[in-house]
Protein backbone atom coordinates (compact mmCIF):
# COMPACT_ATOMS: atom_id res chain seq x y z
CA MET A 1 -62.71 -126.10 -51.75
CA LYS A 2 -64.97 -129.01 -52.76
CA HIS A 3 -67.78 -126.60 -53.49
CA TYR A 4 -65.70 -124.99 -56.25
CA SER A 5 -63.80 -128.05 -57.54
CA ARG A 6 -65.98 -128.76 -60.59
CA LEU A 7 -66.71 -125.14 -61.35
CA VAL A 8 -63.25 -123.63 -61.23
CA LEU A 9 -61.74 -124.75 -64.54
CA PRO A 10 -64.81 -123.97 -66.71
CA VAL A 11 -65.08 -120.51 -65.11
CA ILE A 12 -61.39 -119.74 -65.64
CA VAL A 13 -61.58 -120.92 -69.26
CA LEU A 14 -64.74 -118.92 -69.97
CA SER A 15 -63.36 -115.83 -68.23
CA GLN A 16 -60.13 -116.14 -70.20
CA PHE A 17 -62.09 -116.33 -73.44
CA CYS A 18 -64.23 -113.31 -72.58
CA CYS A 19 -61.33 -111.10 -71.55
CA THR A 20 -58.90 -112.02 -74.32
CA SER A 21 -61.53 -111.05 -76.90
CA LEU A 22 -60.11 -107.55 -76.35
CA TRP A 23 -56.80 -108.52 -77.96
CA PHE A 24 -57.66 -108.34 -81.67
CA ALA A 25 -60.68 -106.03 -81.44
CA GLY A 26 -58.77 -103.35 -83.34
CA ASN A 27 -57.57 -105.77 -86.01
CA ALA A 28 -61.11 -106.94 -86.74
CA VAL A 29 -62.34 -103.43 -87.60
CA VAL A 30 -59.18 -101.84 -88.88
CA SER A 31 -60.64 -100.85 -92.27
CA GLY A 32 -63.66 -99.05 -90.77
CA LEU A 33 -61.56 -97.42 -88.08
CA ALA A 34 -58.96 -96.21 -90.58
CA ALA A 35 -61.57 -94.89 -93.00
CA GLU A 36 -63.45 -92.88 -90.36
CA ARG A 37 -60.35 -91.48 -88.66
CA GLY A 38 -58.32 -90.93 -91.84
CA LEU A 39 -55.46 -93.07 -90.57
CA ALA A 40 -52.58 -94.54 -92.54
CA GLY A 41 -52.71 -97.79 -94.46
CA ALA A 42 -50.13 -99.40 -92.14
CA LEU A 43 -52.70 -99.41 -89.33
CA VAL A 44 -52.86 -103.22 -89.08
CA ALA A 45 -49.16 -103.49 -88.21
CA ASP A 46 -49.24 -100.45 -85.94
CA ILE A 47 -52.30 -101.53 -83.97
CA THR A 48 -50.97 -105.07 -83.57
CA SER A 49 -47.57 -103.79 -82.46
CA SER A 50 -49.18 -101.40 -79.97
CA VAL A 51 -51.10 -104.18 -78.22
CA GLN A 52 -48.13 -106.53 -78.27
CA LEU A 53 -45.74 -103.91 -76.92
CA GLY A 54 -48.20 -103.06 -74.15
CA PHE A 55 -48.51 -106.74 -73.27
CA ILE A 56 -44.72 -107.18 -73.18
CA VAL A 57 -44.23 -104.14 -70.94
CA GLY A 58 -47.14 -105.19 -68.74
CA THR A 59 -45.83 -108.73 -68.39
CA LEU A 60 -42.41 -107.46 -67.33
CA VAL A 61 -43.95 -105.06 -64.81
CA PHE A 62 -46.33 -107.68 -63.36
CA ALA A 63 -43.55 -110.26 -63.17
CA GLY A 64 -40.94 -107.86 -61.80
CA LEU A 65 -43.27 -106.65 -59.05
CA ALA A 66 -44.64 -110.18 -58.46
CA ILE A 67 -48.17 -108.76 -58.55
CA ALA A 68 -49.98 -112.10 -58.77
CA ASP A 69 -47.85 -113.53 -55.94
CA ARG A 70 -48.26 -110.60 -53.56
CA PHE A 71 -51.97 -110.00 -54.16
CA SER A 72 -55.00 -112.20 -54.78
CA PRO A 73 -54.74 -113.43 -58.42
CA SER A 74 -58.52 -113.39 -58.82
CA LYS A 75 -58.68 -109.75 -57.75
CA VAL A 76 -55.74 -108.86 -60.00
CA PHE A 77 -57.53 -110.56 -62.90
CA PHE A 78 -60.75 -108.66 -62.17
CA VAL A 79 -59.12 -105.23 -61.85
CA CYS A 80 -57.13 -105.73 -65.05
CA ALA A 81 -60.25 -106.94 -66.90
CA ILE A 82 -62.11 -103.75 -65.95
CA LEU A 83 -59.20 -101.45 -66.83
CA ALA A 84 -58.55 -103.24 -70.13
CA ALA A 85 -62.27 -102.98 -71.01
CA VAL A 86 -62.24 -99.24 -70.30
CA CYS A 87 -59.15 -98.69 -72.47
CA ASN A 88 -60.69 -100.82 -75.21
CA ILE A 89 -64.01 -99.02 -75.38
CA ALA A 90 -62.30 -95.61 -75.16
CA VAL A 91 -61.17 -96.12 -78.78
CA THR A 92 -64.77 -95.41 -79.82
CA ALA A 93 -64.55 -91.86 -78.42
CA PRO A 94 -64.17 -89.00 -80.97
CA LEU A 95 -60.38 -89.01 -80.93
CA GLN A 96 -58.19 -87.11 -83.37
CA GLY A 97 -55.18 -88.68 -85.02
CA ALA A 98 -53.47 -92.03 -84.62
CA ALA A 99 -51.60 -91.45 -81.35
CA PRO A 100 -54.62 -91.83 -79.01
CA VAL A 101 -55.65 -95.04 -80.78
CA TYR A 102 -52.18 -96.51 -80.46
CA GLY A 103 -51.94 -95.36 -76.85
CA LEU A 104 -55.24 -96.97 -75.90
CA ARG A 105 -54.33 -100.21 -77.66
CA PHE A 106 -51.01 -100.15 -75.79
CA THR A 107 -52.72 -99.78 -72.41
CA THR A 108 -55.23 -102.49 -73.35
CA GLY A 109 -52.28 -104.80 -74.02
CA PHE A 110 -50.66 -103.71 -70.76
CA PHE A 111 -53.65 -104.80 -68.70
CA LEU A 112 -54.03 -108.02 -70.71
CA ALA A 113 -50.80 -108.98 -68.94
CA GLY A 114 -52.91 -109.22 -65.79
CA ILE A 115 -55.41 -111.49 -67.52
CA TYR A 116 -53.77 -114.16 -69.68
CA PRO A 117 -50.70 -115.00 -67.53
CA VAL A 118 -52.63 -114.50 -64.29
CA GLY A 119 -55.39 -116.82 -65.52
CA MET A 120 -52.75 -119.51 -66.04
CA LYS A 121 -51.36 -118.78 -62.58
CA ILE A 122 -54.84 -119.28 -61.08
CA ALA A 123 -55.17 -122.61 -62.87
CA ALA A 124 -51.77 -123.70 -61.53
CA ASP A 125 -52.93 -122.77 -58.01
CA TYR A 126 -55.75 -125.30 -58.37
CA TYR A 127 -54.39 -128.06 -60.59
CA GLN A 128 -50.95 -129.36 -59.83
CA GLN A 129 -51.93 -132.73 -61.26
CA GLY A 130 -53.11 -132.72 -64.87
CA LEU A 131 -51.90 -129.16 -65.39
CA GLY A 132 -51.16 -129.82 -69.09
CA LYS A 133 -54.84 -130.44 -69.80
CA SER A 134 -55.89 -127.33 -67.88
CA LEU A 135 -53.34 -125.09 -69.62
CA GLY A 136 -54.30 -126.57 -73.00
CA LEU A 137 -57.89 -125.50 -72.42
CA LEU A 138 -56.79 -122.07 -71.19
CA VAL A 139 -54.59 -121.40 -74.20
CA GLY A 140 -57.42 -122.67 -76.40
CA ALA A 141 -59.70 -120.10 -74.77
CA LEU A 142 -57.06 -117.46 -75.51
CA VAL A 143 -56.96 -118.44 -79.20
CA LEU A 144 -60.73 -118.47 -79.50
CA GLY A 145 -60.94 -115.13 -77.70
CA LYS A 146 -58.51 -113.58 -80.15
CA ALA A 147 -60.49 -114.91 -83.09
CA PHE A 148 -63.88 -113.85 -81.67
CA PRO A 149 -63.78 -110.16 -82.73
CA HIS A 150 -63.72 -111.34 -86.35
CA LEU A 151 -66.89 -113.35 -85.74
CA LEU A 152 -68.47 -110.31 -84.09
CA ARG A 153 -67.56 -108.27 -87.15
CA PHE A 154 -69.17 -110.90 -89.37
CA LEU A 155 -72.37 -111.03 -87.29
CA GLY A 156 -72.51 -107.24 -87.05
CA SER A 157 -71.53 -106.52 -90.64
CA ASN A 158 -74.34 -103.98 -90.96
CA LEU A 159 -73.33 -102.20 -87.74
CA SER A 160 -70.66 -99.63 -87.02
CA TRP A 161 -67.13 -100.83 -86.28
CA ARG A 162 -67.73 -99.57 -82.74
CA PHE A 163 -69.97 -102.59 -82.11
CA VAL A 164 -66.93 -104.86 -81.82
CA PHE A 165 -65.38 -102.62 -79.16
CA TYR A 166 -68.66 -102.40 -77.23
CA ALA A 167 -69.18 -106.16 -77.30
CA THR A 168 -65.63 -107.15 -76.36
CA SER A 169 -65.52 -104.65 -73.48
CA ALA A 170 -68.82 -106.04 -72.16
CA LEU A 171 -67.42 -109.57 -72.41
CA ALA A 172 -64.27 -108.55 -70.53
CA VAL A 173 -66.28 -107.05 -67.67
CA ALA A 174 -68.44 -110.19 -67.49
CA GLY A 175 -65.36 -112.42 -67.52
CA GLY A 176 -63.68 -110.44 -64.75
CA LEU A 177 -66.80 -110.56 -62.58
CA MET A 178 -67.25 -114.30 -63.10
CA LEU A 179 -63.74 -115.06 -62.00
CA LEU A 180 -63.85 -112.71 -59.01
CA LEU A 181 -67.14 -114.11 -57.70
CA LEU A 182 -66.70 -117.82 -58.48
CA VAL A 183 -62.96 -118.53 -58.21
CA PRO A 184 -61.29 -117.76 -54.87
CA ASP A 185 -57.55 -118.16 -54.37
CA GLY A 186 -56.47 -121.73 -55.06
CA PRO A 187 -55.35 -124.27 -52.43
CA PHE A 188 -51.81 -124.51 -53.86
CA ARG A 189 -51.19 -120.77 -53.94
CA LYS A 190 -48.03 -119.65 -52.19
CA ALA A 191 -48.33 -115.98 -51.35
CA MET A 192 -45.28 -113.72 -51.30
CA PRO A 193 -45.70 -111.28 -48.38
CA ARG A 194 -43.07 -108.87 -49.64
CA LEU A 195 -41.29 -108.08 -52.86
CA GLN A 196 -38.21 -110.20 -53.57
CA TRP A 197 -36.25 -108.62 -56.40
CA ARG A 198 -34.06 -111.66 -56.99
CA SER A 199 -37.05 -113.87 -57.75
CA PHE A 200 -37.52 -112.07 -61.09
CA LEU A 201 -34.28 -113.56 -62.44
CA GLN A 202 -34.25 -116.86 -60.57
CA GLY A 203 -36.21 -118.60 -63.29
CA PHE A 204 -33.58 -117.86 -65.92
CA SER A 205 -30.96 -119.66 -63.84
CA LEU A 206 -32.72 -122.91 -64.73
CA PRO A 207 -31.69 -124.24 -68.18
CA ALA A 208 -35.04 -125.98 -68.73
CA PHE A 209 -36.91 -122.73 -68.10
CA ARG A 210 -34.61 -120.75 -70.40
CA ASN A 211 -35.05 -123.25 -73.21
CA ALA A 212 -38.82 -123.21 -72.88
CA ALA A 213 -38.92 -119.41 -72.65
CA PHE A 214 -36.78 -118.88 -75.75
CA GLY A 215 -38.75 -121.48 -77.68
CA TYR A 216 -41.96 -119.68 -76.78
CA PHE A 217 -40.39 -116.32 -77.66
CA GLY A 218 -39.43 -117.53 -81.12
CA HIS A 219 -42.84 -119.08 -81.71
CA MET A 220 -44.64 -115.82 -80.92
CA TRP A 221 -42.98 -114.00 -83.83
CA GLU A 222 -44.50 -116.23 -86.49
CA LEU A 223 -47.77 -116.89 -84.66
CA TYR A 224 -48.83 -113.28 -84.12
CA THR A 225 -47.64 -112.29 -87.58
CA PHE A 226 -49.90 -114.94 -89.03
CA TRP A 227 -52.87 -114.06 -86.82
CA ALA A 228 -52.58 -110.34 -87.53
CA PHE A 229 -52.34 -110.70 -91.30
CA VAL A 230 -54.84 -113.50 -91.95
CA PRO A 231 -57.57 -110.93 -92.83
CA VAL A 232 -55.15 -109.02 -95.07
CA MET A 233 -54.10 -112.17 -96.91
CA LEU A 234 -57.70 -113.33 -97.32
CA GLN A 235 -58.79 -109.91 -98.58
CA TYR A 236 -56.04 -109.93 -101.20
CA TYR A 237 -56.72 -113.52 -102.23
CA PHE A 238 -60.49 -113.10 -102.54
CA GLN A 239 -60.15 -109.89 -104.56
CA HIS A 240 -57.41 -111.30 -106.78
CA PHE A 241 -59.40 -114.41 -107.67
CA GLY A 242 -62.82 -112.75 -107.82
CA PHE A 243 -64.38 -114.16 -104.63
CA SER A 244 -65.83 -110.85 -103.53
CA LYS A 245 -68.91 -112.39 -101.89
CA ILE A 246 -66.92 -114.55 -99.48
CA SER A 247 -66.75 -113.10 -95.96
CA VAL A 248 -63.24 -112.20 -94.83
CA PRO A 249 -64.27 -111.80 -91.13
CA PHE A 250 -65.95 -115.21 -91.06
CA TRP A 251 -62.98 -117.03 -92.55
CA SER A 252 -60.55 -115.07 -90.38
CA PHE A 253 -62.43 -116.30 -87.33
CA THR A 254 -62.48 -119.87 -88.64
CA ILE A 255 -58.79 -120.02 -89.52
CA ILE A 256 -57.59 -118.43 -86.27
CA GLY A 257 -60.20 -120.04 -84.03
CA ILE A 258 -59.57 -123.61 -85.19
CA GLY A 259 -56.31 -123.43 -83.24
CA ALA A 260 -58.37 -123.62 -80.06
CA LEU A 261 -59.21 -127.25 -80.85
CA SER A 262 -55.54 -128.04 -81.32
CA CYS A 263 -54.67 -126.45 -77.97
CA GLY A 264 -57.22 -128.52 -76.08
CA PHE A 265 -56.20 -131.71 -77.87
CA ALA A 266 -52.48 -131.03 -77.32
CA GLY A 267 -53.08 -130.42 -73.61
CA MET A 268 -54.59 -133.89 -73.25
CA LEU A 269 -51.97 -135.49 -75.50
CA SER A 270 -49.13 -133.97 -73.47
CA HIS A 271 -49.84 -136.42 -70.65
CA LYS A 272 -49.11 -139.35 -72.97
CA TRP A 273 -46.35 -137.95 -75.17
CA GLY A 274 -44.74 -135.51 -72.76
CA ALA A 275 -44.95 -131.73 -73.05
CA ARG A 276 -41.39 -131.29 -74.34
CA ARG A 277 -41.70 -133.85 -77.13
CA LEU A 278 -45.09 -132.56 -78.23
CA ALA A 279 -43.98 -128.92 -78.23
CA THR A 280 -40.87 -129.77 -80.25
CA ILE A 281 -42.94 -131.57 -82.89
CA ALA A 282 -45.44 -128.71 -83.07
CA LEU A 283 -42.71 -126.06 -83.42
């Protein structure tokens, strides 16, 4: 255990960043994708909803079957990273119509349910003390990962929209491999040898858990709406006020990505203020 003690958290954070870069890959290149495939103008909302719906379904399936409790979380993370990367890069294939794109974004979201929540589970298996700081860094990595496709689009502005899908899939594979090879199962992991159906609903019997879950649920509505439509709002604003030379992808990355700093800072501050108080103020 001591051999991995200093390496574990940085590897989990970096792996989380790499793999969650898949999340908004479609949003970052929606204009190029829509133009080439002749898709409808509502593609931003549809692509975002597809990923989110896949993630919701995946989370329910993974939680209901207790996947990360019954199997090695690091191996679950790795397998889901590979499958999500394959679904992500498959969007670049010569597909016809919108349905395959939405389907592949849905399955990408589905397997992201084995990355983001499982990454937090792995951190909890290692850090029972100071967990707020660890989770703050992990959520910060998630935020930066979601913003990163916009930076890729900015850096590859002269390249095809496919570049973003290639790059994010490569990052996801690298992140999955890093975690598999460098982060074994944590010392505080409690394995579940067999499926216990009642455990799925046990959490909701606790008022504190229900309150936190519903607060998080409500927060997600406004957060993902904002993240998804930042590029749309910037595009409209820049065109309306004549700032055509200002890069929408760059500022989309900056506005979304700056939340990563807040996550890390809030994780450290939670030990002084208390997680409940801090979350209430932020909401």
